[in-house]
């Protein structure tokens, strides 16, 4: 019996490989399916099922490609949704044989109506593992406000009430020793207080998870899970529809997106006003020289999340500037969240652009020590682009909160004629923010290297009193 978690930090997402006696199942696969097929081939196993816990919003699942390439059957919980592919709409309590083991579907509506968990019953007939999708996380439960973005009559209050019943009637009665394998961990926008841990026992969650408190009333539960929720990233509904209707094979997307473009071809593509240049290099490297109009969203951070949050429209034509040999990774990670319209990448990267004598832009970036010295001598404007929850927890006195998460609203607080010093937690988001505003004609923004971490280390700034955050959104 094999159970393996395949965790992707960029999306804070957990997929799962389960195998018994030569038969395998994949739960909630990412869009690039080759790793799962390779795992099965290396173990001389056949992938029999692709189990989906729900129609995902934060990423495009690999269910369709994986089924086409292996013949595996796709299984969802009970749903009447019309899809662009064949699948089994499972019944609550239905068991699926996998080698000498069984996987039992437990319908747990709440996060979405079709949301389901999968209970692994091993070769000895013992229930050992619960693959809880977005129903139960470590330290949290799935937010009940996402499905209403696709189905209007599903209010968050109705879904929260269903989630309460699902947890109390279906999950909490299970054995305390069962291992919980969730769909996400900290960093995902699918919950508000998720732990950094990616597995736990159900018994420990019953004792420590705020939403599983035994004496909690339904009204208290609804209030608890809805408090602190913020609007989800704008690309979420588009990903849901892709997961329902279907999509082009990622193999085709990667082939098209990794087309090397000459400087002339790249320049020609830039003339389309809808096209965005996405520069995925490290923030400080980017600041020293980039193509006018570029967005800097570094591949080594929460890349997919911030692309989806700031660009939003998944059909946007994208041109890539990246470090050498990172092009395929960039296109793949874009495809994970449905950004399939990558036109190609700049052959030779930024060095080729410079060598051709093309225009280069820069963004000024200073240290926290430099900022401290400037505050002594002049009144300055500071923009804190962290989430509102981070800002409310602790911030520099008089700093203005302009969250990157809600860029359209945040821009309204910025005057093009004033100079601002911009920081986040570590320097990643501040460069995203500054680069996007620079592309819109805001040229008086100065980035602070190292973010609030470096600022606090100087000991030279007045900070608000620290408050424990009630949400991580």
Protein backbone atom coordinates (compact mmCIF):
# COMPACT_ATOMS: atom_id res chain seq x y z
CA UNK A 1 0.00 0.00 0.00
CA UNK A 2 1.48 3.31 -1.08
CA UNK A 3 0.24 6.80 -0.22
CA UNK A 4 2.34 9.71 -1.42
CA UNK A 5 1.65 13.43 -1.14
CA UNK A 6 2.90 15.51 -4.07
CA UNK A 7 2.97 19.04 -2.69
CA UNK A 8 3.46 22.10 -4.89
CA UNK A 9 4.55 25.09 -2.83
CA UNK A 10 3.81 27.74 -5.47
CA UNK A 11 0.11 26.86 -5.29
CA UNK A 12 0.21 25.46 -1.73
CA UNK A 13 -1.55 22.46 -3.27
CA UNK A 14 -1.49 18.79 -2.43
CA UNK A 15 -2.09 16.05 -5.00
CA UNK A 16 -1.96 12.39 -3.99
CA UNK A 17 -0.75 9.11 -5.43
CA UNK A 18 -2.37 5.96 -3.97
CA UNK A 19 -1.45 2.47 -5.04
CA UNK A 20 -2.44 -1.07 -4.09
CA UNK A 21 -1.48 -4.30 -5.83
CA UNK A 22 -0.61 -2.74 -9.18
CA UNK A 23 -3.53 -0.29 -9.36
CA UNK A 24 -3.13 3.43 -8.71
CA UNK A 25 -5.36 6.45 -8.20
CA UNK A 26 -4.49 10.14 -8.36
CA UNK A 27 -6.38 12.68 -6.29
CA UNK A 28 -6.58 16.31 -7.47
CA UNK A 29 -3.73 16.19 -10.02
CA UNK A 30 -2.05 19.31 -11.33
CA UNK A 31 -2.34 20.04 -15.03
CA UNK A 32 1.07 18.62 -15.98
CA UNK A 33 0.40 14.90 -15.63
CA UNK A 34 3.70 13.37 -16.74
CA UNK A 35 5.02 13.02 -13.14
CA UNK A 36 2.03 10.90 -12.11
CA UNK A 37 2.33 8.64 -15.14
CA UNK A 38 6.06 8.26 -14.49
CA UNK A 39 5.42 7.33 -10.85
CA UNK A 40 2.99 4.63 -11.89
CA UNK A 41 5.27 3.29 -14.63
CA UNK A 42 8.22 3.12 -12.23
CA UNK A 43 6.12 0.98 -9.92
CA UNK A 44 4.62 -1.16 -12.72
CA UNK A 45 1.18 0.13 -11.76
CA UNK A 46 -1.80 1.20 -13.87
CA UNK A 47 -3.67 4.40 -13.04
CA UNK A 48 -7.26 3.31 -12.67
CA UNK A 49 -8.98 6.40 -11.24
CA UNK A 50 -8.61 10.17 -11.11
CA UNK A 51 -10.53 11.34 -8.05
CA UNK A 52 -11.50 15.01 -7.91
CA UNK A 53 -12.61 16.50 -4.60
CA UNK A 54 -14.46 19.35 -6.39
CA UNK A 55 -14.31 21.68 -9.39
CA UNK A 56 -11.22 23.64 -8.42
CA UNK A 57 -11.03 27.43 -8.57
CA UNK A 58 -7.36 28.13 -7.86
CA UNK A 59 -5.78 25.83 -10.45
CA UNK A 60 -6.58 23.87 -13.59
CA UNK A 61 -6.65 20.18 -12.77
CA UNK A 62 -4.98 17.52 -14.90
CA UNK A 63 -7.98 15.20 -14.81
CA UNK A 64 -8.76 15.39 -18.54
CA UNK A 65 -5.23 14.85 -19.87
CA UNK A 66 -4.52 12.15 -17.30
CA UNK A 67 -7.67 10.27 -18.27
CA UNK A 68 -6.90 10.55 -21.98
CA UNK A 69 -3.32 9.33 -21.55
CA UNK A 70 -4.01 6.42 -19.18
CA UNK A 71 -7.64 5.43 -19.68
CA UNK A 72 -8.33 6.22 -16.00
CA UNK A 73 -11.90 7.06 -15.05
CA UNK A 74 -12.58 10.53 -13.65
CA UNK A 75 -14.67 10.57 -10.46
CA UNK A 76 -16.43 13.53 -8.83
CA UNK A 77 -18.88 13.68 -5.98
CA UNK A 78 -22.60 13.90 -6.70
CA UNK A 79 -23.23 16.55 -9.35
CA UNK A 80 -25.52 17.27 -12.28
CA UNK A 81 -23.03 19.69 -13.81
CA UNK A 82 -22.72 19.38 -17.59
CA UNK A 83 -19.04 18.94 -18.39
CA UNK A 84 -16.89 18.77 -21.50
CA UNK A 85 -15.64 15.25 -20.63
CA UNK A 86 -16.92 11.90 -19.41
CA UNK A 87 -16.86 11.22 -15.67
CA UNK A 88 -18.48 9.20 -12.94
CA UNK A 89 -20.77 11.22 -10.68
CA UNK A 90 -20.23 9.21 -7.51
CA UNK A 91 -22.76 8.61 -4.77
CA UNK A 92 -22.29 9.33 -1.09
CA UNK A 93 -20.82 6.18 0.45
CA UNK A 94 -19.88 4.61 -2.89
CA UNK A 95 -16.74 2.48 -2.74
CA UNK A 96 -14.19 2.11 -5.52
CA UNK A 97 -11.93 -0.95 -5.54
CA UNK A 98 -8.23 -0.19 -5.94
CA UNK A 99 -6.10 -3.32 -5.93
CA UNK A 100 -6.68 -4.88 -2.51
CA UNK A 101 -7.87 -1.58 -1.01
CA UNK A 102 -11.02 0.52 -1.35
CA UNK A 103 -11.66 4.24 -1.62
CA UNK A 104 -14.95 5.44 -0.19
CA UNK A 105 -16.54 8.66 -1.43
CA UNK A 106 -17.93 10.88 1.33
CA UNK A 107 -20.09 13.69 -0.01
CA UNK A 108 -19.34 16.84 2.02
CA UNK A 109 -21.08 19.85 0.44
CA UNK A 110 -20.13 23.25 1.81
CA UNK A 111 -17.03 24.53 0.08
CA UNK A 112 -18.90 23.71 -3.13
CA UNK A 113 -22.00 21.58 -3.68
CA UNK A 114 -20.14 18.61 -5.18
CA UNK A 115 -17.27 18.76 -2.66
CA UNK A 116 -16.32 15.31 -1.46
CA UNK A 117 -13.68 13.63 0.66
CA UNK A 118 -12.17 10.23 -0.10
CA UNK A 119 -11.60 7.71 2.69
CA UNK A 120 -8.89 5.12 2.09
CA UNK A 121 -9.69 1.66 3.45
CA UNK A 122 -6.54 -0.47 3.36
CA UNK A 123 -6.02 -4.15 2.54
CA UNK A 124 -6.97 -5.08 6.10
CA UNK A 125 -10.29 -3.27 5.93
CA UNK A 126 -9.11 -0.42 8.16
CA UNK A 127 -9.88 3.21 7.37
CA UNK A 128 -6.48 4.88 7.48
CA UNK A 129 -6.47 8.12 5.48
CA UNK A 130 -8.88 10.91 4.60
CA UNK A 131 -8.21 12.96 1.47
CA UNK A 132 -10.23 15.97 2.51
CA UNK A 133 -9.84 18.31 -0.47
CA UNK A 134 -11.07 21.78 0.43
CA UNK A 135 -13.54 20.54 3.03
CA UNK A 136 -11.04 20.24 5.89
CA UNK A 137 -7.59 21.79 6.06
CA UNK A 138 -4.99 21.58 8.80
CA UNK A 139 -6.12 24.32 11.17
CA UNK A 140 -9.01 25.48 9.00
CA UNK A 141 -11.90 24.53 6.74
CA UNK A 142 -12.68 25.46 3.14
CA UNK A 143 -14.11 28.91 2.55
CA UNK A 144 -17.81 28.74 1.63
CA UNK A 145 -17.96 31.82 -0.58
CA UNK A 146 -16.35 30.63 -3.82
CA UNK A 147 -19.14 28.58 -5.42
CA UNK A 148 -21.46 31.62 -5.36
CA UNK A 149 -19.14 33.26 -7.89
CA UNK A 150 -20.28 30.61 -10.39
CA UNK A 151 -23.80 29.76 -9.11
CA UNK A 152 -25.45 32.96 -7.83
CA UNK A 153 -28.17 31.38 -5.70
CA UNK A 154 -25.57 29.66 -3.52
CA UNK A 155 -25.02 32.24 -0.81
CA UNK A 156 -22.04 31.93 1.49
CA UNK A 157 -24.38 31.53 4.46
CA UNK A 158 -26.15 28.56 2.82
CA UNK A 159 -22.86 26.92 1.97
CA UNK A 160 -21.42 27.53 5.44
CA UNK A 161 -24.47 25.85 6.98
CA UNK A 162 -23.99 22.85 4.69
CA UNK A 163 -20.30 22.71 5.59
CA UNK A 164 -21.19 22.63 9.30
CA UNK A 165 -23.46 19.63 8.72
CA UNK A 166 -20.91 17.86 6.52
CA UNK A 167 -18.16 18.18 9.11
CA UNK A 168 -20.34 17.22 12.08
CA UNK A 169 -22.21 14.37 10.44
CA UNK A 170 -19.65 12.92 8.04
CA UNK A 171 -16.11 13.78 9.17
CA UNK A 172 -15.98 14.24 12.93
CA UNK A 173 -17.49 10.77 13.67
CA UNK A 174 -14.51 9.13 11.92
CA UNK A 175 -11.69 7.51 13.91
CA UNK A 176 -9.22 9.89 15.56
CA UNK A 177 -6.23 7.93 14.22
CA UNK A 178 -7.09 8.64 10.58
CA UNK A 179 -4.49 10.76 8.78
CA UNK A 180 -5.93 13.88 7.14
CA UNK A 181 -4.44 14.77 3.75
CA UNK A 182 -5.83 18.20 2.73
CA UNK A 183 -6.01 19.86 -0.67
CA UNK A 184 -4.05 22.93 0.43
CA UNK A 185 -1.78 24.42 3.06
CA UNK A 186 -0.73 27.88 4.20
CA UNK A 187 -0.46 30.35 1.33
CA UNK A 188 -3.57 29.22 -0.51
CA UNK A 189 -6.51 31.60 -0.88
CA UNK A 190 -8.94 28.69 -0.41
CA UNK A 191 -8.86 29.10 3.37
CA UNK A 192 -8.03 31.86 5.83
CA UNK A 193 -6.04 30.27 8.68
CA UNK A 194 -4.31 27.21 7.24
CA UNK A 195 -1.33 25.69 8.99
CA UNK A 196 2.11 25.25 7.48
CA UNK A 197 1.68 21.55 8.25
CA UNK A 198 0.34 19.49 5.35
CA UNK A 199 -0.88 16.41 7.25
CA UNK A 200 -2.24 15.64 10.73
CA UNK A 201 -4.40 13.14 12.56
CA UNK A 202 -8.11 13.75 12.58
CA UNK A 203 -8.08 13.48 16.38
CA UNK A 204 -5.61 16.33 16.71
CA UNK A 205 -7.68 18.46 14.37
CA UNK A 206 -10.78 17.81 16.46
CA UNK A 207 -8.90 19.20 19.45
CA UNK A 208 -7.17 22.17 17.80
CA UNK A 209 -9.06 23.28 14.68
CA UNK A 210 -11.30 26.26 15.58
CA UNK A 211 -14.02 25.06 13.18
CA UNK A 212 -14.28 21.58 14.73
CA UNK A 213 -15.02 22.71 18.28
CA UNK A 214 -17.49 20.15 19.63
CA UNK A 215 -19.73 22.63 21.46
CA UNK A 216 -19.98 25.10 18.55
CA UNK A 217 -23.48 25.91 17.31
CA UNK A 218 -24.27 26.20 13.62
CA UNK A 219 -24.71 29.97 13.97
CA UNK A 220 -21.33 30.29 15.71
CA UNK A 221 -19.72 28.18 12.98
CA UNK A 222 -21.17 30.30 10.18
CA UNK A 223 -19.96 33.48 11.85
CA UNK A 224 -16.50 32.00 12.51
CA UNK A 225 -15.84 30.76 8.98
CA UNK A 226 -17.17 33.90 7.27
CA UNK A 227 -15.36 36.41 9.48
CA UNK A 228 -12.12 37.59 7.90
CA UNK A 229 -12.86 36.43 4.35
CA UNK A 230 -11.76 38.78 1.60
CA UNK A 231 -12.76 38.71 -2.09
CA UNK A 232 -10.99 35.81 -3.86
CA UNK A 233 -8.55 36.35 -6.74
CA UNK A 234 -10.33 37.40 -9.91
CA UNK A 235 -9.11 34.45 -11.99
CA UNK A 236 -10.85 31.86 -9.78
CA UNK A 237 -14.20 31.72 -11.66
CA UNK A 238 -12.35 31.31 -14.97
CA UNK A 239 -10.43 28.30 -13.63
CA UNK A 240 -13.66 26.71 -12.37
CA UNK A 241 -15.12 26.93 -15.86
CA UNK A 242 -12.00 25.42 -17.43
CA UNK A 243 -12.21 22.51 -15.01
CA UNK A 244 -15.88 22.00 -15.93
CA UNK A 245 -15.81 22.60 -19.66
CA UNK A 246 -12.36 21.26 -20.51
CA UNK A 247 -9.21 22.74 -21.95
CA UNK A 248 -6.43 22.30 -24.49
CA UNK A 249 -3.73 19.76 -23.65
CA UNK A 250 -0.88 21.24 -21.65
CA UNK A 251 1.55 19.61 -24.10
CA UNK A 252 0.25 21.93 -26.83
CA UNK A 253 0.29 24.95 -24.53
CA UNK A 254 3.92 24.38 -23.54
CA UNK A 255 4.98 23.78 -27.14
CA UNK A 256 3.40 27.05 -28.29
CA UNK A 257 4.53 29.06 -25.27
CA UNK A 258 8.19 28.08 -25.42
CA UNK A 259 8.70 29.57 -28.86
CA UNK A 260 11.96 31.57 -28.98
CA UNK A 261 11.30 35.05 -30.37
CA UNK A 262 13.91 37.24 -32.05
CA UNK A 263 14.19 40.84 -30.92
CA UNK A 264 12.27 41.95 -34.03
CA UNK A 265 9.48 39.44 -33.42
CA UNK A 266 9.34 40.37 -29.73
CA UNK A 267 9.10 44.09 -30.58
CA UNK A 268 6.35 43.41 -33.09
CA UNK A 269 4.34 41.46 -30.51
CA UNK A 270 4.67 44.30 -27.99
CA UNK A 271 2.73 46.62 -30.30
CA UNK A 272 -0.52 44.86 -29.36
CA UNK A 273 -1.82 46.95 -26.40
CA UNK A 274 -3.37 43.86 -24.82
CA UNK A 275 -0.02 42.08 -24.59
CA UNK A 276 1.87 42.08 -21.28
CA UNK A 277 5.61 41.49 -20.92
CA UNK A 278 6.07 39.18 -17.96
CA UNK A 279 9.61 39.33 -16.58
CA UNK A 280 10.12 36.44 -14.17
CA UNK A 281 13.64 37.25 -12.97
CA UNK A 282 14.55 37.96 -9.33
CA UNK A 283 13.31 41.35 -8.11
CA UNK A 284 16.63 43.12 -7.56
CA UNK A 285 18.04 41.78 -10.82
CA UNK A 286 14.94 43.06 -12.62
CA UNK A 287 15.22 46.52 -11.04
CA UNK A 288 18.66 47.06 -12.60
CA UNK A 289 17.39 46.75 -16.16
CA UNK A 290 14.15 45.71 -17.89
CA UNK A 291 12.06 46.32 -20.99
CA UNK A 292 9.64 49.22 -20.72
CA UNK A 293 6.18 48.12 -19.61
CA UNK A 294 7.30 44.84 -18.03
CA UNK A 295 5.59 43.28 -15.02
CA UNK A 296 8.06 41.66 -12.64
CA UNK A 297 6.58 38.55 -11.06
CA UNK A 298 9.47 36.33 -10.02
CA UNK A 299 9.36 32.62 -10.79
CA UNK A 300 10.93 31.81 -7.42
CA UNK A 301 8.05 33.26 -5.37
CA UNK A 302 4.30 32.57 -5.28
CA UNK A 303 4.38 33.08 -9.01
CA UNK A 304 1.08 31.59 -10.16
CA UNK A 305 -0.91 33.22 -7.37
CA UNK A 306 0.39 36.72 -8.14
CA UNK A 307 0.02 36.34 -11.90
CA UNK A 308 -3.62 35.36 -11.43
CA UNK A 309 -4.22 38.07 -8.84
CA UNK A 310 -2.70 40.97 -10.78
CA UNK A 311 -3.38 40.10 -14.43
CA UNK A 312 -6.73 38.31 -13.77
CA UNK A 313 -7.83 37.73 -17.39
CA UNK A 314 -6.46 34.32 -18.29
CA UNK A 315 -6.74 35.05 -22.04
CA UNK A 316 -4.19 37.90 -21.83
CA UNK A 317 -1.39 37.51 -24.40
CA UNK A 318 1.92 37.16 -22.54
CA UNK A 319 5.54 37.64 -23.63
CA UNK A 320 8.17 36.09 -21.38
CA UNK A 321 11.53 37.43 -20.26
CA UNK A 322 13.24 34.89 -18.01
CA UNK A 323 16.52 33.50 -16.87
CA UNK A 324 18.07 31.01 -19.28
CA UNK A 325 16.49 27.54 -19.30
CA UNK A 326 13.55 28.68 -17.15
CA UNK A 327 11.21 29.22 -20.09
CA UNK A 328 9.42 25.87 -19.95
CA UNK A 329 8.93 26.13 -16.20
CA UNK A 330 7.39 29.58 -16.61
CA UNK A 331 4.94 28.45 -19.31
CA UNK A 332 4.02 25.33 -17.33
CA UNK A 333 3.33 27.28 -14.15
CA UNK A 334 1.22 29.77 -16.08
CA UNK A 335 -0.79 26.91 -17.57
CA UNK A 336 -1.45 25.54 -14.08
CA UNK A 337 -3.79 28.48 -13.55
CA UNK A 338 -5.16 28.65 -17.07
CA UNK A 339 -2.94 31.35 -18.58
CA UNK A 340 -2.59 29.55 -21.89
CA UNK A 341 -1.91 32.48 -24.21
CA UNK A 342 1.86 32.72 -23.89
CA UNK A 343 3.20 33.94 -27.24
CA UNK A 344 6.84 33.00 -26.62
CA UNK A 345 9.98 34.22 -24.87
CA UNK A 346 12.75 36.67 -25.72
CA UNK A 347 15.61 34.68 -27.24
CA UNK A 348 18.82 35.50 -25.38
CA UNK A 349 16.90 37.25 -22.60
CA UNK A 350 17.52 40.77 -21.37
CA UNK A 351 21.22 40.56 -22.31
CA UNK A 352 20.31 40.17 -25.96
CA UNK A 353 17.99 43.17 -25.69
CA UNK A 354 20.79 45.28 -24.18
CA UNK A 355 23.32 44.09 -26.76
CA UNK A 356 20.97 45.22 -29.52
CA UNK A 357 21.01 48.73 -28.04
CA UNK A 358 17.34 48.67 -27.11
CA UNK A 359 15.87 50.92 -24.42
CA UNK A 360 16.28 49.72 -20.84
CA UNK A 361 14.34 50.97 -17.82
CA UNK A 362 15.30 50.74 -14.14
CA UNK A 363 13.58 51.01 -10.76
CA UNK A 364 15.33 52.62 -7.84
CA UNK A 365 15.72 50.30 -4.84
CA UNK A 366 17.22 51.34 -1.48
CA UNK A 367 18.00 49.61 1.81
CA UNK A 368 15.99 49.96 5.00
CA UNK A 369 18.96 51.82 6.51
CA UNK A 370 18.79 54.35 3.67
CA UNK A 371 15.09 54.78 4.31
CA UNK A 372 15.71 55.37 8.02
CA UNK A 373 18.22 58.10 7.18
CA UNK A 374 15.80 59.81 4.82
CA UNK A 375 13.02 59.82 7.42
CA UNK A 376 15.33 61.82 9.70
CA UNK A 377 15.62 64.62 7.17
CA UNK A 378 12.31 64.78 5.34
CA UNK A 379 8.63 63.87 5.46
CA UNK A 380 8.14 60.85 3.23
CA UNK A 381 5.27 58.71 1.95
CA UNK A 382 5.43 54.95 2.60
CA UNK A 383 3.26 52.39 0.82
CA UNK A 384 2.82 49.01 2.50
CA UNK A 385 1.63 46.58 -0.19
CA UNK A 386 1.11 43.60 2.10
CA UNK A 387 -2.34 42.17 2.74
CA UNK A 388 -4.63 44.19 4.98
CA UNK A 389 -4.39 41.44 7.61
CA UNK A 390 -0.59 41.77 7.67
CA UNK A 391 -0.77 45.55 7.85
CA UNK A 392 -3.35 45.47 10.65
CA UNK A 393 -1.13 43.08 12.58
CA UNK A 394 1.88 45.42 12.50
CA UNK A 395 3.01 48.33 10.33
CA UNK A 396 5.18 51.43 10.17
CA UNK A 397 3.46 54.45 11.71
CA UNK A 398 1.73 56.54 9.02
CA UNK A 399 2.36 53.99 6.26
CA UNK A 400 -0.47 53.71 3.73
CA UNK A 401 -1.81 50.21 3.09
CA UNK A 402 -2.12 49.57 -0.65
CA UNK A 403 -2.48 45.77 -0.91
CA UNK A 404 -1.13 44.14 -4.03
CA UNK A 405 -4.09 41.74 -3.79
CA UNK A 406 -6.49 44.52 -4.76
CA UNK A 407 -4.31 46.54 -7.10
CA UNK A 408 -7.15 48.32 -8.89
CA UNK A 409 -8.36 49.86 -5.62
CA UNK A 410 -4.85 50.43 -4.27
CA UNK A 411 -3.80 52.53 -7.28
CA UNK A 412 -6.47 55.07 -6.35
CA UNK A 413 -4.43 55.95 -3.24
CA UNK A 414 -1.29 56.77 -5.26
CA UNK A 415 -0.60 60.24 -6.68
CA UNK A 416 1.59 60.17 -9.80
CA UNK A 417 3.16 63.47 -8.78
CA UNK A 418 4.34 62.30 -5.35
CA UNK A 419 7.31 60.15 -4.38
CA UNK A 420 6.55 56.94 -2.46
CA UNK A 421 8.72 54.33 -0.75
CA UNK A 422 7.23 50.88 -1.29
CA UNK A 423 7.68 47.78 0.88
CA UNK A 424 6.12 44.38 1.49
CA UNK A 425 7.27 41.51 3.70
CA UNK A 426 10.54 40.60 1.97
CA UNK A 427 10.83 42.55 -1.29
CA UNK A 428 8.97 40.28 -3.72
CA UNK A 429 5.52 41.89 -3.77
CA UNK A 430 6.87 45.44 -3.61
CA UNK A 431 8.67 44.94 -6.92
CA UNK A 432 5.54 43.39 -8.47
CA UNK A 433 3.56 46.45 -7.34
CA UNK A 434 6.21 48.97 -8.39
CA UNK A 435 6.80 47.41 -11.81
CA UNK A 436 3.09 47.26 -12.67
CA UNK A 437 2.57 50.87 -11.65
CA UNK A 438 5.66 51.88 -13.62
CA UNK A 439 4.06 50.32 -16.70
CA UNK A 440 1.10 52.66 -16.07
CA UNK A 441 3.22 55.78 -15.84
CA UNK A 442 3.90 55.94 -12.10
CA UNK A 443 7.64 56.71 -12.03
CA UNK A 444 8.11 58.11 -8.53
CA UNK A 445 8.09 54.82 -6.65
CA UNK A 446 11.18 53.64 -4.76
CA UNK A 447 11.45 50.02 -3.66
CA UNK A 448 12.68 49.03 -0.19
CA UNK A 449 14.97 46.00 -0.28
CA UNK A 450 14.12 43.25 2.19
CA UNK A 451 10.70 44.64 3.12
CA UNK A 452 9.31 44.88 6.65
CA UNK A 453 11.76 42.22 7.81
CA UNK A 454 14.74 44.44 6.97
CA UNK A 455 12.92 47.51 8.28
CA UNK A 456 12.36 45.91 11.70
CA UNK A 457 15.96 44.69 11.86
CA UNK A 458 17.24 48.29 11.78
CA UNK A 459 15.38 49.14 15.01
CA UNK A 460 14.98 52.68 13.67
CA UNK A 461 11.28 52.79 12.81
CA UNK A 462 8.18 53.40 14.90
CA UNK A 463 5.83 50.46 14.49
CA UNK A 464 2.25 49.92 15.58
CA UNK A 465 1.64 47.55 18.47
CA UNK A 466 1.64 43.94 17.24
CA UNK A 467 -1.74 42.18 17.05
CA UNK A 468 -2.19 38.47 16.36
CA UNK A 469 -3.90 38.20 12.92
CA UNK A 470 -7.37 36.63 12.82
CA UNK A 471 -6.99 35.75 9.13
CA UNK A 472 -4.12 35.16 6.72
CA UNK A 473 -6.10 36.46 3.74
